[in-house]
C-alpha atoms as a PDB file:
ATOM      1  CA  MET A   1     -41.976  17.571  17.051  1.00  0.00           C
ATOM      2  CA  ALA A   2     -39.277  15.956  16.935  1.00  0.00           C
ATOM      3  CA  ASP A   3     -37.199  18.537  18.648  1.00  0.00           C
ATOM      4  CA  ILE A   4     -39.118  18.004  21.724  1.00  0.00           C
ATOM      5  CA  THR A   5     -38.667  14.802  21.878  1.00  0.00           C
ATOM      6  CA  ALA A   6     -34.830  15.019  21.175  1.00  0.00           C
ATOM      7  CA  LYS A   7     -35.110  17.700  24.370  1.00  0.00           C
ATOM      8  CA  ASN A   8     -37.189  14.852  26.306  1.00  0.00           C
ATOM      9  CA  THR A   9     -34.931  12.106  26.005  1.00  0.00           C
ATOM     10  CA  GLY A  10     -31.357  13.557  25.166  1.00  0.00           C
ATOM     11  CA  LYS A  11     -30.856  11.596  21.812  1.00  0.00           C
ATOM     12  CA  VAL A  12     -31.740  12.676  18.628  1.00  0.00           C
ATOM     13  CA  THR A  13     -31.833  10.763  15.301  1.00  0.00           C
ATOM     14  CA  ILE A  14     -29.432  11.218  12.393  1.00  0.00           C
ATOM     15  CA  LYS A  15     -29.965   9.704   9.344  1.00  0.00           C
ATOM     16  CA  ILE A  16     -27.509   7.475   7.065  1.00  0.00           C
ATOM     17  CA  PRO A  17     -27.916   5.384   4.024  1.00  0.00           C
ATOM     18  CA  ARG A  18     -29.527   1.656   4.314  1.00  0.00           C
ATOM     19  CA  PRO A  19     -26.393   0.671   2.568  1.00  0.00           C
ATOM     20  CA  LEU A  20     -24.101   1.767   4.594  1.00  0.00           C
ATOM     21  CA  TYR A  21     -26.301   1.142   7.670  1.00  0.00           C
ATOM     22  CA  GLU A  22     -26.462  -2.902   6.579  1.00  0.00           C
ATOM     23  CA  LYS A  23     -22.441  -3.059   5.613  1.00  0.00           C
ATOM     24  CA  ILE A  24     -21.857  -1.585   9.692  1.00  0.00           C
ATOM     25  CA  SER A  25     -24.236  -4.293  10.377  1.00  0.00           C
ATOM     26  CA  ALA A  26     -22.066  -6.836   8.607  1.00  0.00           C
ATOM     27  CA  VAL A  27     -18.947  -4.949  10.220  1.00  0.00           C
ATOM     28  CA  ILE A  28     -19.736  -5.299  13.597  1.00  0.00           C
ATOM     29  CA  GLU A  29     -21.578  -8.614  13.453  1.00  0.00           C
ATOM     30  CA  GLY A  30     -19.435 -10.660  16.416  1.00  0.00           C
ATOM     31  CA  ALA A  31     -17.715  -8.017  17.594  1.00  0.00           C
ATOM     32  CA  GLY A  32     -20.126  -7.257  20.550  1.00  0.00           C
ATOM     33  CA  TYR A  33     -21.185  -4.255  19.925  1.00  0.00           C
ATOM     34  CA  ASN A  34     -25.105  -4.620  20.900  1.00  0.00           C
ATOM     35  CA  SER A  35     -26.404  -2.852  17.675  1.00  0.00           C
ATOM     36  CA  VAL A  36     -25.276  -0.375  14.740  1.00  0.00           C
ATOM     37  CA  THR A  37     -26.300   2.577  17.184  1.00  0.00           C
ATOM     38  CA  ASP A  38     -23.779   1.861  20.021  1.00  0.00           C
ATOM     39  CA  PHE A  39     -20.957   1.295  17.205  1.00  0.00           C
ATOM     40  CA  VAL A  40     -21.791   4.713  15.218  1.00  0.00           C
ATOM     41  CA  VAL A  41     -21.627   6.337  18.796  1.00  0.00           C
ATOM     42  CA  TYR A  42     -18.590   4.796  19.777  1.00  0.00           C
ATOM     43  CA  VAL A  43     -16.732   6.069  16.931  1.00  0.00           C
ATOM     44  CA  LEU A  44     -17.815   9.230  16.805  1.00  0.00           C
ATOM     45  CA  ARG A  45     -17.074   9.559  20.360  1.00  0.00           C
ATOM     46  CA  ASP A  46     -13.787   8.074  19.800  1.00  0.00           C
ATOM     47  CA  LEU A  47     -13.675  11.043  16.939  1.00  0.00           C
ATOM     48  CA  VAL A  48     -14.642  13.923  19.132  1.00  0.00           C
ATOM     49  CA  ALA A  49     -12.093  12.810  21.592  1.00  0.00           C
ATOM     50  CA  SER A  50      -8.981  12.655  18.819  1.00  0.00           C
ATOM     51  CA  HIS A  51     -10.261  15.933  17.832  1.00  0.00           C
ATOM     52  CA  GLU A  52      -9.861  17.367  21.324  1.00  0.00           C
ATOM     53  CA  LEU A  53      -6.587  15.363  21.790  1.00  0.00           C
ATOM     54  CA  ALA A  54      -5.252  16.820  18.547  1.00  0.00           C
ATOM     55  CA  GLY A  55      -3.207  19.452  20.527  1.00  0.00           C
ATOM     56  CA  SER A  56      -1.517  16.636  22.389  1.00  0.00           C
ATOM     57  CA  GLU A  57       1.689  15.399  20.896  1.00  0.00           C
ATOM     58  CA  SER A  58       1.774  12.005  22.529  1.00  0.00           C
ATOM     59  CA  ALA A  59      -1.812  11.137  21.785  1.00  0.00           C
ATOM     60  CA  GLY A  60      -3.092  13.242  19.285  1.00  0.00           C
ATOM     61  CA  ALA A  61      -1.606  11.542  15.685  1.00  0.00           C
ATOM     62  CA  LYS A  62      -1.948   7.925  16.961  1.00  0.00           C
ATOM     63  CA  GLU A  63      -5.820   8.559  17.986  1.00  0.00           C
ATOM     64  CA  ILE A  64      -6.282  10.637  14.895  1.00  0.00           C
ATOM     65  CA  GLU A  65      -4.939   7.928  12.523  1.00  0.00           C
ATOM     66  CA  LYS A  66      -7.158   4.942  14.356  1.00  0.00           C
ATOM     67  CA  VAL A  67     -10.497   7.204  13.595  1.00  0.00           C
ATOM     68  CA  LYS A  68      -9.601   7.427  10.142  1.00  0.00           C
ATOM     69  CA  GLN A  69      -9.169   3.341  10.070  1.00  0.00           C
ATOM     70  CA  HIS A  70     -12.770   3.254  11.497  1.00  0.00           C
ATOM     71  CA  LEU A  71     -13.944   5.894   8.766  1.00  0.00           C
ATOM     72  CA  LYS A  72     -12.152   4.248   6.230  1.00  0.00           C
ATOM     73  CA  ALA A  73     -13.784   0.473   7.349  1.00  0.00           C
ATOM     74  CA  LEU A  74     -17.279   2.333   7.432  1.00  0.00           C
ATOM     75  CA  GLY A  75     -16.763   3.493   3.672  1.00  0.00           C
ATOM     76  CA  TYR A  76     -16.499   7.269   4.813  1.00  0.00           C
ATOM     77  CA  MET A  77     -13.047   7.440   3.339  1.00  0.00           C
END
């Protein structure tokens, strides 16, 4: 049933541990994000973009470092 919903809305659900969710919520408080979901989508898009730019010498290293800093702040690294 989840797959049908995902196909109809273009979205899927990703589960994360509640303590991590609460940490993210505290980190983004007052940062301009509407929700934890908005922030996580932003970080993941940034990560994907960094991966795509990794072949580019001018921006690749800077973008990867930026994503690493985001992931470290979220407790992934």
